[in-house]
Amino acid sequence: MEYLHSLFDAHIDGPTAVTVGKFDGIHKGHNLLAQDIISKSCEGLSSCMITFTNSPRIALSKDDTPSLITNKERVYMLEKNGLDYLIECPFDERLMQTSAREFVEFLVKHLNMKYMVAGSDFTFGYKGAGNVELLKELSKELGFKFHVIEKIKKNNRDISSTYIREELTKGNISSVNEMLGYEYFVWGEVVHGAHLGHTIGIPTINIMPEENKLVPKFGVYVTTIDFDGRLYHGVTNVGTKPSVSDKEIVGIETHILDYNGDLYGKYVKVTFKEFLRPEMKFNSIDELKSQMNADKKTAKDFFNN
């Protein structure tokens, strides 16, 4: 995959199939768009996804709700999907001031766009004036094919990043995973913690999520941990660890079942499979240790069934 950091400086010689959007979470609906353009390789078109380094939601409405996926995680996922080009550009004043027509004309001229796909509610251009009806007209005028993909629904509601964020903050991880089409994960570097786990005989690894990453509801989850090309089972606490710290620092702490190696400085992927219980404050380290052992047993039973 070729990774480009600027839209207006980009130029692609060969014919392309294009889709545009924030793609927060790359959920089932987003994946339909991605797979649609990737499938056009059989017609001699290179797939090109255009997305943004910052959220249009923040730029336009000052809504600073964290995202389902970080920019690094999105690149990590798309590289595995077989995408040819990823253009990740800032949603800045220049882009916001570009008219809908000018935007499409740029894609045709500079990215050699021969095919475009979008969701039925797609809007673009200055003040969101562009929509799928305009794209249908411009496709005939500018000589590219255009395809609309209808929204996928769950419980009579459109699957969207907003819907998924709501479910994630409630701890409904199975619902989140169903709408994403894959299991929610956090990818990051293992950092040093308080080393309490080693002291009580239940060693853990700590990941500090990026500031703009939405973590699941505080609590304990059954997880898998992926590093060095191997997959391990684990149990993960998301939260501030109130039993051992007064600091309001959100972290992701994982005990990897049947593993006791040194992972400091390595990048790992922690995938959330099932919610076990809310985060709790215990009266003593012994109570904490007893509950952690119970959580380990529950996790082992989950993977053995």
Protein backbone atom coordinates (compact mmCIF):
# COMPACT_ATOMS: atom_id res chain seq x y z
CA MET A 1 0.00 0.00 0.00
CA GLU A 2 1.28 3.47 -0.90
CA TYR A 3 0.65 5.93 1.90
CA LEU A 4 0.26 9.61 0.92
CA HIS A 5 0.01 12.47 3.42
CA SER A 6 -1.38 15.25 1.23
CA LEU A 7 -4.41 15.30 -1.05
CA PHE A 8 -3.72 18.43 -3.06
CA ASP A 9 -0.12 17.37 -3.77
CA ALA A 10 -1.12 13.84 -4.78
CA HIS A 11 -0.98 12.59 -8.35
CA ILE A 12 -1.73 9.07 -9.60
CA ASP A 13 -1.08 8.20 -13.23
CA GLY A 14 -3.03 4.96 -13.54
CA PRO A 15 -6.84 4.77 -13.40
CA THR A 16 -8.32 4.57 -9.89
CA ALA A 17 -11.42 3.54 -7.96
CA VAL A 18 -11.98 6.02 -5.11
CA THR A 19 -13.92 6.33 -1.88
CA VAL A 20 -13.82 9.24 0.59
CA GLY A 21 -14.63 9.58 4.28
CA LYS A 22 -13.39 9.70 7.87
CA PHE A 23 -13.82 5.92 8.22
CA ASP A 24 -13.81 6.00 12.02
CA GLY A 25 -13.66 2.38 13.11
CA ILE A 26 -13.80 0.96 9.57
CA HIS A 27 -17.10 -0.73 10.45
CA LYS A 28 -19.16 -3.04 8.24
CA GLY A 29 -20.48 -0.18 6.12
CA HIS A 30 -17.01 1.30 5.63
CA ASN A 31 -15.65 -2.13 4.77
CA LEU A 32 -18.23 -2.52 2.00
CA LEU A 33 -16.88 0.67 0.43
CA ALA A 34 -13.26 -0.46 0.80
CA GLN A 35 -13.92 -3.92 -0.62
CA ASP A 36 -15.87 -2.42 -3.50
CA ILE A 37 -12.94 -0.31 -4.71
CA ILE A 38 -10.43 -3.11 -4.06
CA SER A 39 -12.56 -5.44 -6.20
CA LYS A 40 -12.09 -3.10 -9.18
CA SER A 41 -8.53 -4.36 -9.60
CA CYS A 42 -10.00 -6.95 -11.97
CA GLU A 43 -10.98 -4.01 -14.21
CA GLY A 44 -7.47 -2.56 -14.12
CA LEU A 45 -8.24 0.10 -11.47
CA SER A 46 -6.09 0.82 -8.42
CA SER A 47 -8.01 1.27 -5.17
CA CYS A 48 -7.65 4.65 -3.45
CA MET A 49 -9.16 5.62 -0.09
CA ILE A 50 -9.13 9.28 0.96
CA THR A 51 -9.46 9.95 4.67
CA PHE A 52 -8.43 12.54 7.23
CA THR A 53 -5.80 12.92 9.93
CA ASN A 54 -8.28 14.85 12.07
CA SER A 55 -12.01 14.34 12.44
CA PRO A 56 -14.38 16.55 10.41
CA ARG A 57 -16.68 16.18 13.42
CA ILE A 58 -14.18 18.14 15.52
CA ALA A 59 -13.30 20.67 12.81
CA LEU A 60 -16.91 21.51 12.00
CA SER A 61 -18.74 21.20 15.32
CA LYS A 62 -15.97 21.18 17.96
CA ASP A 63 -17.19 17.74 19.06
CA ASP A 64 -14.06 16.24 20.65
CA THR A 65 -15.47 12.76 21.30
CA PRO A 66 -12.56 10.30 20.93
CA SER A 67 -12.40 8.11 17.83
CA LEU A 68 -12.92 4.37 17.51
CA ILE A 69 -9.64 3.99 15.69
CA THR A 70 -6.38 5.94 15.69
CA ASN A 71 -4.61 6.91 12.49
CA LYS A 72 -1.90 4.30 13.16
CA GLU A 73 -4.50 1.57 13.76
CA ARG A 74 -6.33 2.49 10.55
CA VAL A 75 -3.13 2.17 8.52
CA TYR A 76 -2.42 -1.15 10.28
CA MET A 77 -5.84 -2.47 9.23
CA LEU A 78 -5.91 -1.17 5.67
CA GLU A 79 -2.47 -2.54 4.86
CA LYS A 80 -3.90 -6.00 5.52
CA ASN A 81 -6.97 -5.38 3.34
CA GLY A 82 -5.08 -5.05 0.05
CA LEU A 83 -5.68 -1.34 -0.55
CA ASP A 84 -3.37 0.22 -3.17
CA TYR A 85 -3.38 3.88 -2.05
CA LEU A 86 -4.28 5.54 1.23
CA ILE A 87 -4.37 9.34 1.18
CA GLU A 88 -4.59 10.62 4.75
CA CYS A 89 -4.84 14.40 4.67
CA PRO A 90 -5.77 17.15 7.13
CA PHE A 91 -9.38 18.29 7.17
CA ASP A 92 -8.27 21.91 7.03
CA GLU A 93 -9.50 25.30 5.86
CA ARG A 94 -8.40 24.71 2.27
CA LEU A 95 -10.36 21.47 2.04
CA MET A 96 -13.40 22.95 3.79
CA GLN A 97 -13.43 25.88 1.35
CA THR A 98 -13.25 23.63 -1.73
CA SER A 99 -16.59 23.43 -3.53
CA ALA A 100 -18.17 20.07 -4.24
CA ARG A 101 -17.58 20.42 -7.98
CA GLU A 102 -13.95 21.50 -7.53
CA PHE A 103 -13.33 18.52 -5.26
CA VAL A 104 -14.64 16.00 -7.77
CA GLU A 105 -12.84 17.69 -10.67
CA PHE A 106 -9.60 17.39 -8.67
CA LEU A 107 -10.15 13.65 -8.14
CA VAL A 108 -10.73 13.11 -11.85
CA LYS A 109 -7.79 15.24 -12.99
CA HIS A 110 -5.10 14.43 -10.41
CA LEU A 111 -6.07 10.94 -9.18
CA ASN A 112 -7.30 9.73 -12.58
CA MET A 113 -10.58 8.65 -10.95
CA LYS A 114 -12.60 6.36 -13.20
CA TYR A 115 -14.91 4.94 -10.52
CA MET A 116 -16.26 6.24 -7.22
CA VAL A 117 -18.36 4.62 -4.50
CA ALA A 118 -20.08 6.28 -1.56
CA GLY A 119 -22.68 5.62 1.08
CA SER A 120 -26.21 6.90 0.50
CA ASP A 121 -25.80 9.71 3.07
CA PHE A 122 -22.41 10.94 1.81
CA THR A 123 -21.94 14.72 1.76
CA PHE A 124 -18.85 16.68 0.76
CA GLY A 125 -17.57 20.05 -0.42
CA TYR A 126 -18.04 23.54 0.98
CA LYS A 127 -20.76 23.52 3.66
CA GLY A 128 -21.59 19.91 2.70
CA ALA A 129 -23.31 21.03 -0.49
CA GLY A 130 -22.33 17.90 -2.41
CA ASN A 131 -24.31 14.66 -2.17
CA VAL A 132 -24.93 11.46 -4.10
CA GLU A 133 -27.36 13.18 -6.49
CA LEU A 134 -24.68 15.67 -7.49
CA LEU A 135 -22.19 12.82 -7.91
CA LYS A 136 -24.57 11.04 -10.26
CA GLU A 137 -24.73 14.19 -12.42
CA LEU A 138 -20.97 14.84 -12.31
CA SER A 139 -20.16 11.21 -13.16
CA LYS A 140 -21.92 11.63 -16.51
CA GLU A 141 -20.35 15.02 -17.16
CA LEU A 142 -16.79 14.15 -16.09
CA GLY A 143 -16.69 10.56 -17.34
CA PHE A 144 -16.47 8.28 -14.30
CA LYS A 145 -18.72 5.55 -12.99
CA PHE A 146 -20.49 6.15 -9.68
CA HIS A 147 -22.04 3.59 -7.33
CA VAL A 148 -24.09 4.08 -4.15
CA ILE A 149 -24.09 1.54 -1.31
CA GLU A 150 -27.05 1.64 1.05
CA LYS A 151 -26.56 1.77 4.81
CA ILE A 152 -26.48 -1.49 6.79
CA LYS A 153 -28.88 -1.64 9.73
CA LYS A 154 -28.94 -3.23 13.19
CA ASN A 155 -32.10 -3.10 15.31
CA ASN A 156 -33.71 -0.88 12.64
CA ARG A 157 -30.95 1.70 13.09
CA ASP A 158 -28.19 2.54 10.63
CA ILE A 159 -24.82 1.10 11.62
CA SER A 160 -22.64 4.14 12.18
CA SER A 161 -19.58 5.21 14.14
CA THR A 162 -21.90 7.13 16.50
CA TYR A 163 -23.98 4.01 17.22
CA ILE A 164 -20.84 1.95 17.82
CA ARG A 165 -19.38 4.57 20.17
CA GLU A 166 -22.60 4.51 22.20
CA GLU A 167 -22.45 0.73 22.56
CA LEU A 168 -18.74 0.78 23.44
CA THR A 169 -19.24 3.24 26.30
CA LYS A 170 -21.97 0.93 27.66
CA GLY A 171 -19.64 -2.08 27.61
CA ASN A 172 -21.73 -3.87 24.98
CA ILE A 173 -18.64 -5.31 23.34
CA SER A 174 -20.46 -8.12 21.50
CA SER A 175 -22.74 -5.55 19.84
CA VAL A 176 -19.72 -3.39 18.97
CA ASN A 177 -17.90 -6.33 17.40
CA GLU A 178 -20.96 -7.33 15.40
CA MET A 179 -21.31 -3.84 13.90
CA LEU A 180 -17.61 -3.47 13.22
CA GLY A 181 -17.36 -6.84 11.52
CA TYR A 182 -14.21 -7.52 13.52
CA GLU A 183 -13.31 -7.44 17.21
CA TYR A 184 -12.50 -4.06 18.77
CA PHE A 185 -8.84 -3.64 19.60
CA VAL A 186 -6.21 -1.30 20.98
CA TRP A 187 -2.75 -1.34 19.43
CA GLY A 188 0.13 0.24 21.29
CA GLU A 189 3.50 0.07 22.99
CA VAL A 190 3.97 -1.77 26.27
CA VAL A 191 5.11 0.70 28.95
CA HIS A 192 6.24 0.37 32.54
CA GLY A 193 3.54 0.36 35.21
CA ALA A 194 3.67 0.10 39.00
CA HIS A 195 4.86 -3.55 38.83
CA LEU A 196 2.17 -4.55 41.34
CA GLY A 197 1.22 -7.54 39.22
CA HIS A 198 4.68 -9.05 39.53
CA THR A 199 4.60 -8.42 43.30
CA ILE A 200 1.38 -10.41 43.79
CA GLY A 201 2.30 -13.13 41.30
CA ILE A 202 -0.03 -12.02 38.48
CA PRO A 203 2.23 -10.12 36.03
CA THR A 204 0.60 -7.65 33.65
CA ILE A 205 1.49 -5.47 30.69
CA ASN A 206 0.36 -1.86 30.39
CA ILE A 207 -0.64 0.11 27.30
CA MET A 208 -1.41 3.82 27.42
CA PRO A 209 -4.05 4.51 24.74
CA GLU A 210 -3.57 7.53 22.53
CA GLU A 211 -5.44 10.62 23.69
CA ASN A 212 -7.96 10.48 20.86
CA LYS A 213 -8.69 6.73 21.24
CA LEU A 214 -12.07 5.77 22.69
CA VAL A 215 -11.59 2.96 25.20
CA PRO A 216 -14.42 0.61 26.20
CA LYS A 217 -16.45 1.13 29.36
CA PHE A 218 -14.20 0.84 32.42
CA GLY A 219 -14.11 -2.76 33.51
CA VAL A 220 -12.58 -6.18 32.98
CA TYR A 221 -12.69 -8.01 29.65
CA VAL A 222 -11.70 -11.34 28.15
CA THR A 223 -9.10 -10.48 25.50
CA THR A 224 -6.57 -11.87 23.09
CA ILE A 225 -3.06 -10.43 22.78
CA ASP A 226 -1.19 -10.49 19.50
CA PHE A 227 2.58 -9.90 19.30
CA ASP A 228 5.57 -11.38 17.48
CA GLY A 229 3.18 -13.18 15.14
CA ARG A 230 1.60 -15.22 17.96
CA LEU A 231 -1.81 -15.01 19.64
CA TYR A 232 -2.26 -15.36 23.40
CA HIS A 233 -5.27 -15.39 25.71
CA GLY A 234 -5.68 -12.84 28.46
CA VAL A 235 -7.82 -10.78 30.81
CA THR A 236 -7.71 -6.97 30.61
CA ASN A 237 -8.67 -4.13 32.93
CA VAL A 238 -9.65 -0.82 31.35
CA GLY A 239 -9.74 2.15 33.71
CA THR A 240 -7.84 4.04 36.39
CA LYS A 241 -7.07 1.13 38.80
CA PRO A 242 -8.76 2.79 41.82
CA SER A 243 -7.59 0.09 44.25
CA VAL A 244 -3.93 1.02 43.82
CA SER A 245 -3.90 4.60 42.51
CA ASP A 246 -5.60 7.93 43.17
CA LYS A 247 -4.57 9.28 39.76
CA GLU A 248 -7.24 9.63 37.08
CA ILE A 249 -4.99 8.20 34.35
CA VAL A 250 -6.79 5.82 32.01
CA GLY A 251 -4.79 2.73 31.15
CA ILE A 252 -5.19 -0.74 29.68
CA GLU A 253 -3.63 -3.43 31.88
CA THR A 254 -3.54 -7.04 30.69
CA HIS A 255 -2.57 -10.34 32.30
CA ILE A 256 -1.52 -12.77 29.57
CA LEU A 257 -2.46 -16.32 30.50
CA ASP A 258 0.46 -18.76 30.51
CA TYR A 259 3.07 -16.14 29.57
CA ASN A 260 5.70 -14.39 31.68
CA GLY A 261 8.13 -12.78 29.22
CA ASP A 262 9.40 -9.21 28.96
CA LEU A 263 7.40 -7.16 26.46
CA TYR A 264 8.54 -3.65 27.39
CA GLY A 265 8.92 -1.52 24.26
CA LYS A 266 7.10 -4.01 22.02
CA TYR A 267 3.90 -3.13 20.19
CA VAL A 268 0.98 -5.42 20.96
CA LYS A 269 -2.61 -5.69 19.83
CA VAL A 270 -5.19 -6.24 22.60
CA THR A 271 -8.54 -7.44 21.23
CA PHE A 272 -11.73 -7.28 23.30
CA LYS A 273 -13.92 -10.36 23.19
CA GLU A 274 -16.30 -10.24 26.19
CA PHE A 275 -17.15 -7.92 29.09
CA LEU A 276 -16.73 -9.62 32.48
CA ARG A 277 -17.45 -7.00 35.15
CA PRO A 278 -17.19 -3.27 35.94
CA GLU A 279 -13.98 -1.85 37.37
CA MET A 280 -14.04 -2.10 41.17
CA LYS A 281 -12.20 -0.62 44.14
CA PHE A 282 -11.05 -3.24 46.64
CA ASN A 283 -10.31 -2.74 50.32
CA SER A 284 -7.02 -4.63 50.24
CA ILE A 285 -4.41 -6.09 47.90
CA ASP A 286 -5.52 -9.56 48.99
CA GLU A 287 -9.08 -8.84 47.84
CA LEU A 288 -7.74 -7.53 44.53
CA LYS A 289 -5.57 -10.63 44.07
CA SER A 290 -8.49 -12.93 44.84
CA GLN A 291 -10.70 -11.20 42.24
CA MET A 292 -7.91 -11.23 39.65
CA ASN A 293 -7.53 -14.99 40.12
CA ALA A 294 -11.29 -15.37 39.70
CA ASP A 295 -11.13 -13.29 36.49
CA LYS A 296 -8.29 -15.48 35.20
CA LYS A 297 -10.40 -18.60 35.79
CA THR A 298 -13.38 -17.07 34.00
CA ALA A 299 -11.17 -16.15 31.04
CA LYS A 300 -9.71 -19.65 30.85
CA ASP A 301 -13.22 -21.15 30.94
CA PHE A 302 -14.24 -18.77 28.12
CA PHE A 303 -11.46 -20.00 25.86
CA ASN A 304 -11.93 -23.66 26.80
CA ASN A 305 -15.64 -23.67 25.93
